[in-house]
Amino acid sequence: MEPKKILFVCTGNTCRSAMAAAMMADIADKNDLNILVDSAGIFAPIGECAADNAIEAMKKRDIDLSLHRTKPVTEELIEMADIILAMTGAHKMLIENMAPEKVFTLCEYAGDDGDIPDPYGGDLDEYEEVAEEINDLLVDIAEKLWENE
């Protein structure tokens, strides 16, 4: 069976989408889910590192984000993805015309509402709070995907 391909999208691909992809890959690995993940940013440059506090927040979860490099959303990434999970409604709005049937906000896909706040420029506590919020939603999403396998 083909793996489900999930693309996480935020603004710069240094914080939220990078952390979400890393945590989802970890959840998939630990639970033997047939999922491939990737991340990109609406306004992301190519090849920058994840934010230092994002790397630190992931270290506390035993996830290594140090090798992450930013990349922009492309038509190819959108075409390859089965599900695109945007961090905010604004991100969703910017890309849903390219693939309306498969773009959701992370909260929406998990059965919740709201946006994931951007911790960029914040302290480590802010990053850890955002990581916790994302992780809780990802657990719900993983259960939803597991039920549909």
N, C-alpha and C. Protein backbone atom coordinates (compact mmCIF):
# COMPACT_ATOMS: atom_id res chain seq x y z
N MET A 1 0.84 -1.19 0.00
CA MET A 1 0.00 0.00 0.00
C MET A 1 0.88 1.25 0.00
N GLU A 2 0.53 2.20 -0.82
CA GLU A 2 1.29 3.46 -0.91
C GLU A 2 1.20 4.23 0.40
N PRO A 3 2.31 4.83 0.83
CA PRO A 3 2.23 5.65 2.05
C PRO A 3 1.42 6.92 1.79
N LYS A 4 0.75 7.39 2.83
CA LYS A 4 0.04 8.66 2.77
C LYS A 4 1.10 9.75 2.89
N LYS A 5 1.07 10.72 1.96
CA LYS A 5 2.06 11.80 1.95
C LYS A 5 1.44 13.07 2.50
N ILE A 6 2.04 13.60 3.58
CA ILE A 6 1.52 14.79 4.24
C ILE A 6 2.54 15.91 4.12
N LEU A 7 2.08 17.06 3.66
CA LEU A 7 2.91 18.26 3.58
C LEU A 7 2.41 19.26 4.61
N PHE A 8 3.32 19.69 5.50
CA PHE A 8 3.01 20.70 6.49
C PHE A 8 3.50 22.05 5.97
N VAL A 9 2.67 23.08 6.10
CA VAL A 9 3.00 24.39 5.54
C VAL A 9 2.84 25.49 6.59
N CYS A 10 3.84 26.38 6.65
CA CYS A 10 3.75 27.59 7.47
C CYS A 10 4.33 28.75 6.66
N THR A 11 4.84 29.75 7.34
CA THR A 11 5.34 30.93 6.63
C THR A 11 6.77 30.74 6.14
N GLY A 12 7.71 30.52 7.06
CA GLY A 12 9.12 30.48 6.69
C GLY A 12 9.77 29.11 6.75
N ASN A 13 9.02 28.10 7.22
CA ASN A 13 9.52 26.73 7.31
C ASN A 13 10.69 26.59 8.28
N THR A 14 10.77 27.50 9.26
CA THR A 14 11.83 27.40 10.27
C THR A 14 11.31 26.92 11.61
N CYS A 15 10.00 26.99 11.83
CA CYS A 15 9.44 26.67 13.15
C CYS A 15 8.32 25.64 13.06
N ARG A 16 7.10 26.14 12.84
CA ARG A 16 5.90 25.31 12.98
C ARG A 16 5.85 24.12 12.03
N SER A 17 5.98 24.36 10.74
CA SER A 17 5.86 23.23 9.80
C SER A 17 7.01 22.25 9.96
N ALA A 18 8.19 22.76 10.26
CA ALA A 18 9.35 21.89 10.47
C ALA A 18 9.15 21.01 11.71
N MET A 19 8.67 21.63 12.80
CA MET A 19 8.42 20.86 14.02
C MET A 19 7.29 19.86 13.80
N ALA A 20 6.23 20.28 13.11
CA ALA A 20 5.10 19.38 12.86
C ALA A 20 5.52 18.16 12.05
N ALA A 21 6.30 18.40 11.01
CA ALA A 21 6.76 17.28 10.17
C ALA A 21 7.65 16.33 10.97
N ALA A 22 8.53 16.89 11.78
CA ALA A 22 9.44 16.05 12.58
C ALA A 22 8.67 15.24 13.61
N MET A 23 7.70 15.88 14.26
CA MET A 23 6.91 15.16 15.27
C MET A 23 6.01 14.11 14.62
N MET A 24 5.42 14.41 13.46
CA MET A 24 4.57 13.43 12.78
C MET A 24 5.40 12.24 12.30
N ALA A 25 6.60 12.51 11.81
CA ALA A 25 7.48 11.41 11.39
C ALA A 25 7.80 10.52 12.60
N ASP A 26 8.02 11.13 13.75
CA ASP A 26 8.32 10.39 14.97
C ASP A 26 7.11 9.56 15.40
N ILE A 27 5.92 10.16 15.38
CA ILE A 27 4.69 9.43 15.73
C ILE A 27 4.48 8.26 14.76
N ALA A 28 4.66 8.52 13.47
CA ALA A 28 4.48 7.47 12.46
C ALA A 28 5.46 6.32 12.69
N ASP A 29 6.72 6.67 12.97
CA ASP A 29 7.75 5.66 13.19
C ASP A 29 7.43 4.81 14.43
N LYS A 30 7.03 5.45 15.49
CA LYS A 30 6.76 4.74 16.75
C LYS A 30 5.48 3.91 16.68
N ASN A 31 4.58 4.25 15.77
CA ASN A 31 3.29 3.56 15.69
C ASN A 31 3.10 2.79 14.39
N ASP A 32 4.19 2.66 13.63
CA ASP A 32 4.17 1.88 12.39
C ASP A 32 3.07 2.35 11.43
N LEU A 33 2.95 3.68 11.30
CA LEU A 33 2.00 4.25 10.35
C LEU A 33 2.69 4.43 9.00
N ASN A 34 1.99 4.15 7.94
CA ASN A 34 2.53 4.25 6.60
C ASN A 34 2.36 5.68 6.09
N ILE A 35 3.22 6.58 6.60
CA ILE A 35 3.12 8.01 6.31
C ILE A 35 4.49 8.55 5.93
N LEU A 36 4.51 9.39 4.90
CA LEU A 36 5.70 10.17 4.56
C LEU A 36 5.37 11.63 4.81
N VAL A 37 6.30 12.35 5.41
CA VAL A 37 6.04 13.76 5.72
C VAL A 37 7.07 14.67 5.07
N ASP A 38 6.65 15.90 4.83
CA ASP A 38 7.53 16.94 4.33
C ASP A 38 7.00 18.26 4.85
N SER A 39 7.80 19.30 4.72
CA SER A 39 7.34 20.62 5.15
C SER A 39 7.90 21.68 4.22
N ALA A 40 7.20 22.80 4.17
CA ALA A 40 7.62 23.91 3.32
C ALA A 40 6.97 25.19 3.87
N GLY A 41 7.45 26.32 3.35
CA GLY A 41 6.91 27.60 3.79
C GLY A 41 6.44 28.44 2.63
N ILE A 42 5.38 29.18 2.85
CA ILE A 42 4.83 30.06 1.82
C ILE A 42 5.88 31.06 1.34
N PHE A 43 6.63 31.63 2.28
CA PHE A 43 7.65 32.62 1.95
C PHE A 43 9.04 32.15 2.38
N ALA A 44 9.27 30.85 2.34
CA ALA A 44 10.53 30.29 2.82
C ALA A 44 11.65 30.44 1.80
N PRO A 45 12.83 30.81 2.28
CA PRO A 45 14.01 30.76 1.41
C PRO A 45 14.45 29.30 1.29
N ILE A 46 15.38 29.05 0.43
CA ILE A 46 15.90 27.70 0.27
C ILE A 46 17.14 27.53 1.14
N GLY A 47 17.16 26.46 1.94
CA GLY A 47 18.37 26.03 2.61
C GLY A 47 18.73 26.64 3.94
N GLU A 48 17.83 27.36 4.59
CA GLU A 48 18.14 27.90 5.92
C GLU A 48 17.87 26.84 6.98
N CYS A 49 18.52 26.99 8.12
CA CYS A 49 18.32 26.06 9.24
C CYS A 49 17.02 26.37 9.96
N ALA A 50 16.55 25.40 10.72
CA ALA A 50 15.41 25.63 11.60
C ALA A 50 15.83 26.64 12.67
N ALA A 51 14.86 27.32 13.24
CA ALA A 51 15.14 28.27 14.32
C ALA A 51 15.79 27.53 15.49
N ASP A 52 16.75 28.20 16.14
CA ASP A 52 17.46 27.57 17.26
C ASP A 52 16.50 27.03 18.32
N ASN A 53 15.48 27.82 18.66
CA ASN A 53 14.53 27.37 19.69
C ASN A 53 13.65 26.23 19.21
N ALA A 54 13.41 26.13 17.92
CA ALA A 54 12.68 24.97 17.38
C ALA A 54 13.54 23.72 17.54
N ILE A 55 14.82 23.85 17.25
CA ILE A 55 15.75 22.72 17.41
C ILE A 55 15.79 22.29 18.88
N GLU A 56 15.86 23.27 19.79
CA GLU A 56 15.90 22.97 21.23
C GLU A 56 14.60 22.32 21.71
N ALA A 57 13.47 22.86 21.26
CA ALA A 57 12.18 22.29 21.66
C ALA A 57 12.05 20.84 21.20
N MET A 58 12.57 20.53 20.02
CA MET A 58 12.51 19.17 19.51
C MET A 58 13.50 18.25 20.24
N LYS A 59 14.65 18.80 20.64
CA LYS A 59 15.62 18.00 21.41
C LYS A 59 14.98 17.45 22.67
N LYS A 60 14.14 18.25 23.31
CA LYS A 60 13.47 17.82 24.54
C LYS A 60 12.51 16.67 24.27
N ARG A 61 12.17 16.45 23.01
CA ARG A 61 11.30 15.34 22.62
C ARG A 61 12.11 14.23 21.96
N ASP A 62 13.43 14.33 22.07
CA ASP A 62 14.35 13.35 21.44
C ASP A 62 14.18 13.28 19.93
N ILE A 63 13.93 14.45 19.34
CA ILE A 63 13.81 14.56 17.89
C ILE A 63 14.88 15.53 17.40
N ASP A 64 15.66 15.12 16.42
CA ASP A 64 16.75 15.96 15.91
C ASP A 64 16.26 16.77 14.71
N LEU A 65 16.18 18.07 14.89
CA LEU A 65 15.75 18.98 13.83
C LEU A 65 16.94 19.75 13.24
N SER A 66 18.14 19.40 13.70
CA SER A 66 19.32 20.18 13.30
C SER A 66 19.66 20.07 11.81
N LEU A 67 19.22 19.02 11.16
CA LEU A 67 19.52 18.86 9.73
C LEU A 67 18.45 19.46 8.82
N HIS A 68 17.37 19.96 9.42
CA HIS A 68 16.29 20.55 8.62
C HIS A 68 16.79 21.75 7.84
N ARG A 69 16.36 21.85 6.58
CA ARG A 69 16.65 23.01 5.74
C ARG A 69 15.34 23.49 5.13
N THR A 70 15.16 24.79 5.12
CA THR A 70 13.91 25.38 4.65
C THR A 70 13.76 25.23 3.14
N LYS A 71 12.49 25.21 2.74
CA LYS A 71 12.19 25.23 1.30
C LYS A 71 10.82 25.85 1.11
N PRO A 72 10.63 26.49 -0.05
CA PRO A 72 9.33 27.10 -0.35
C PRO A 72 8.32 26.06 -0.86
N VAL A 73 7.06 26.40 -0.70
CA VAL A 73 5.99 25.58 -1.27
C VAL A 73 6.12 25.66 -2.79
N THR A 74 6.05 24.52 -3.45
CA THR A 74 6.10 24.48 -4.91
C THR A 74 4.91 23.68 -5.43
N GLU A 75 4.62 23.85 -6.69
CA GLU A 75 3.55 23.05 -7.31
C GLU A 75 3.85 21.56 -7.20
N GLU A 76 5.12 21.20 -7.36
CA GLU A 76 5.52 19.80 -7.27
C GLU A 76 5.22 19.22 -5.89
N LEU A 77 5.55 19.96 -4.83
CA LEU A 77 5.26 19.49 -3.47
C LEU A 77 3.76 19.33 -3.26
N ILE A 78 3.00 20.28 -3.76
CA ILE A 78 1.54 20.24 -3.62
C ILE A 78 0.96 19.04 -4.38
N GLU A 79 1.46 18.79 -5.58
CA GLU A 79 0.97 17.66 -6.37
C GLU A 79 1.30 16.32 -5.71
N MET A 80 2.50 16.23 -5.12
CA MET A 80 2.93 14.97 -4.51
C MET A 80 2.18 14.65 -3.22
N ALA A 81 1.68 15.67 -2.52
CA ALA A 81 1.03 15.46 -1.23
C ALA A 81 -0.39 14.92 -1.38
N ASP A 82 -0.75 14.03 -0.47
CA ASP A 82 -2.14 13.56 -0.38
C ASP A 82 -2.95 14.50 0.51
N ILE A 83 -2.29 15.03 1.53
CA ILE A 83 -2.92 15.94 2.48
C ILE A 83 -1.94 17.09 2.72
N ILE A 84 -2.45 18.31 2.70
CA ILE A 84 -1.62 19.49 3.00
C ILE A 84 -2.21 20.14 4.24
N LEU A 85 -1.39 20.25 5.28
CA LEU A 85 -1.85 20.80 6.55
C LEU A 85 -1.14 22.13 6.82
N ALA A 86 -1.92 23.20 6.73
CA ALA A 86 -1.39 24.55 6.93
C ALA A 86 -1.55 24.95 8.39
N MET A 87 -0.63 25.79 8.86
CA MET A 87 -0.66 26.18 10.27
C MET A 87 -1.74 27.22 10.57
N THR A 88 -2.15 27.98 9.57
CA THR A 88 -3.18 29.00 9.79
C THR A 88 -4.16 29.03 8.62
N GLY A 89 -5.29 29.67 8.88
CA GLY A 89 -6.27 29.86 7.82
C GLY A 89 -5.70 30.71 6.69
N ALA A 90 -4.84 31.66 7.03
CA ALA A 90 -4.23 32.51 5.99
C ALA A 90 -3.32 31.68 5.09
N HIS A 91 -2.55 30.77 5.66
CA HIS A 91 -1.71 29.89 4.84
C HIS A 91 -2.58 29.05 3.92
N LYS A 92 -3.66 28.51 4.49
CA LYS A 92 -4.58 27.67 3.70
C LYS A 92 -5.13 28.47 2.52
N MET A 93 -5.55 29.70 2.80
CA MET A 93 -6.14 30.55 1.77
C MET A 93 -5.16 30.80 0.63
N LEU A 94 -3.89 30.96 0.96
CA LEU A 94 -2.88 31.27 -0.05
C LEU A 94 -2.60 30.10 -1.00
N ILE A 95 -2.84 28.87 -0.55
CA ILE A 95 -2.48 27.72 -1.39
C ILE A 95 -3.65 26.85 -1.82
N GLU A 96 -4.82 27.04 -1.21
CA GLU A 96 -5.91 26.09 -1.50
C GLU A 96 -6.40 26.15 -2.94
N ASN A 97 -6.18 27.25 -3.63
CA ASN A 97 -6.60 27.31 -5.03
C ASN A 97 -5.79 26.35 -5.89
N MET A 98 -4.60 25.93 -5.41
CA MET A 98 -3.76 24.99 -6.15
C MET A 98 -4.22 23.54 -5.95
N ALA A 99 -4.90 23.27 -4.83
CA ALA A 99 -5.36 21.91 -4.54
C ALA A 99 -6.45 21.97 -3.48
N PRO A 100 -7.59 22.53 -3.80
CA PRO A 100 -8.62 22.80 -2.79
C PRO A 100 -9.12 21.57 -2.03
N GLU A 101 -9.10 20.44 -2.68
CA GLU A 101 -9.65 19.24 -2.04
C GLU A 101 -8.72 18.61 -1.01
N LYS A 102 -7.48 19.07 -0.93
CA LYS A 102 -6.57 18.42 0.02
C LYS A 102 -5.84 19.39 0.95
N VAL A 103 -6.28 20.64 1.00
CA VAL A 103 -5.66 21.62 1.89
C VAL A 103 -6.58 21.90 3.08
N PHE A 104 -6.03 21.74 4.28
CA PHE A 104 -6.76 21.96 5.52
C PHE A 104 -5.83 22.71 6.47
N THR A 105 -6.41 23.35 7.48
CA THR A 105 -5.53 23.82 8.55
C THR A 105 -5.27 22.60 9.44
N LEU A 106 -4.18 22.64 10.17
CA LEU A 106 -3.83 21.54 11.07
C LEU A 106 -4.97 21.34 12.07
N CYS A 107 -5.46 22.43 12.64
CA CYS A 107 -6.55 22.35 13.62
C CYS A 107 -7.80 21.74 12.99
N GLU A 108 -8.15 22.23 11.81
CA GLU A 108 -9.34 21.76 11.10
C GLU A 108 -9.28 20.25 10.85
N TYR A 109 -8.14 19.76 10.38
CA TYR A 109 -8.01 18.34 10.06
C TYR A 109 -8.08 17.47 11.31
N ALA A 110 -7.68 18.05 12.45
CA ALA A 110 -7.73 17.31 13.72
C ALA A 110 -9.12 17.40 14.36
N GLY A 111 -10.03 18.16 13.73
CA GLY A 111 -11.38 18.29 14.26
C GLY A 111 -11.52 19.44 15.25
N ASP A 112 -10.62 20.39 15.18
CA ASP A 112 -10.61 21.54 16.08
C ASP A 112 -10.72 22.80 15.23
N ASP A 113 -10.65 23.95 15.86
CA ASP A 113 -10.61 25.18 15.08
C ASP A 113 -9.52 26.09 15.63
N GLY A 114 -9.21 27.13 14.88
CA GLY A 114 -8.16 28.05 15.29
C GLY A 114 -6.89 27.87 14.45
N ASP A 115 -5.91 28.66 14.80
CA ASP A 115 -4.62 28.65 14.12
C ASP A 115 -3.51 28.28 15.10
N ILE A 116 -2.40 27.83 14.56
CA ILE A 116 -1.21 27.57 15.37
C ILE A 116 -0.42 28.88 15.44
N PRO A 117 -0.20 29.42 16.63
CA PRO A 117 0.53 30.69 16.73
C PRO A 117 1.99 30.55 16.29
N ASP A 118 2.51 31.63 15.75
CA ASP A 118 3.89 31.63 15.26
C ASP A 118 4.84 32.00 16.40
N PRO A 119 5.71 31.07 16.81
CA PRO A 119 6.64 31.39 17.90
C PRO A 119 7.89 32.13 17.44
N TYR A 120 8.01 32.39 16.13
CA TYR A 120 9.24 32.98 15.59
C TYR A 120 9.65 34.22 16.38
N GLY A 121 10.89 34.22 16.83
CA GLY A 121 11.41 35.34 17.60
C GLY A 121 11.10 35.24 19.09
N GLY A 122 10.32 34.26 19.47
CA GLY A 122 9.96 34.09 20.88
C GLY A 122 11.00 33.29 21.64
N ASP A 123 10.77 33.15 22.94
CA ASP A 123 11.71 32.40 23.77
C ASP A 123 11.39 30.90 23.69
N LEU A 124 12.25 30.11 24.31
CA LEU A 124 12.12 28.66 24.24
C LEU A 124 10.77 28.19 24.79
N ASP A 125 10.27 28.84 25.84
CA ASP A 125 8.97 28.46 26.39
C ASP A 125 7.86 28.58 25.35
N GLU A 126 7.89 29.64 24.55
CA GLU A 126 6.88 29.82 23.50
C GLU A 126 6.96 28.69 22.48
N TYR A 127 8.18 28.33 22.09
CA TYR A 127 8.35 27.24 21.13
C TYR A 127 7.84 25.92 21.70
N GLU A 128 8.13 25.69 22.99
CA GLU A 128 7.68 24.45 23.61
C GLU A 128 6.16 24.40 23.72
N GLU A 129 5.53 25.54 24.01
CA GLU A 129 4.07 25.59 24.06
C GLU A 129 3.46 25.29 22.69
N VAL A 130 4.03 25.88 21.65
CA VAL A 130 3.53 25.64 20.29
C VAL A 130 3.77 24.18 19.90
N ALA A 131 4.93 23.65 20.25
CA ALA A 131 5.23 22.24 19.95
C ALA A 131 4.22 21.33 20.63
N GLU A 132 3.87 21.63 21.87
CA GLU A 132 2.90 20.83 22.61
C GLU A 132 1.53 20.89 21.95
N GLU A 133 1.13 22.08 21.53
CA GLU A 133 -0.16 22.25 20.85
C GLU A 133 -0.19 21.46 19.55
N ILE A 134 0.89 21.57 18.77
CA ILE A 134 0.98 20.83 17.51
C ILE A 134 0.95 19.33 17.78
N ASN A 135 1.72 18.88 18.76
CA ASN A 135 1.79 17.45 19.06
C ASN A 135 0.42 16.89 19.44
N ASP A 136 -0.33 17.62 20.25
CA ASP A 136 -1.67 17.14 20.65
C ASP A 136 -2.56 16.96 19.42
N LEU A 137 -2.48 17.90 18.48
CA LEU A 137 -3.28 17.79 17.25
C LEU A 137 -2.78 16.63 16.38
N LEU A 138 -1.47 16.44 16.33
CA LEU A 138 -0.91 15.36 15.52
C LEU A 138 -1.31 13.99 16.04
N VAL A 139 -1.41 13.85 17.35
CA VAL A 139 -1.86 12.58 17.93
C VAL A 139 -3.28 12.28 17.45
N ASP A 140 -4.15 13.30 17.47
CA ASP A 140 -5.52 13.11 16.97
C ASP A 140 -5.53 12.76 15.48
N ILE A 141 -4.67 13.43 14.72
CA ILE A 141 -4.58 13.16 13.28
C ILE A 141 -4.05 11.76 13.02
N ALA A 142 -3.04 11.34 13.78
CA ALA A 142 -2.47 10.00 13.61
C ALA A 142 -3.55 8.94 13.89
N GLU A 143 -4.36 9.16 14.92
CA GLU A 143 -5.44 8.21 15.21
C GLU A 143 -6.43 8.15 14.05
N LYS A 144 -6.76 9.31 13.50
CA LYS A 144 -7.68 9.39 12.36
C LYS A 144 -7.10 8.64 11.15
N LEU A 145 -5.81 8.83 10.89
CA LEU A 145 -5.16 8.15 9.76
C LEU A 145 -5.07 6.65 10.01
N TRP A 146 -4.77 6.28 11.24
CA TRP A 146 -4.64 4.86 11.59
C TRP A 146 -5.97 4.15 11.37
N GLU A 147 -7.07 4.81 11.77
CA GLU A 147 -8.40 4.22 11.59
C GLU A 147 -8.75 4.03 10.12
N ASN A 148 -8.18 4.88 9.26
CA ASN A 148 -8.48 4.81 7.83
C ASN A 148 -7.52 3.94 7.04
N GLU A 149 -6.54 3.34 7.69
CA GLU A 149 -5.58 2.49 6.98
C GLU A 149 -6.18 1.15 6.64
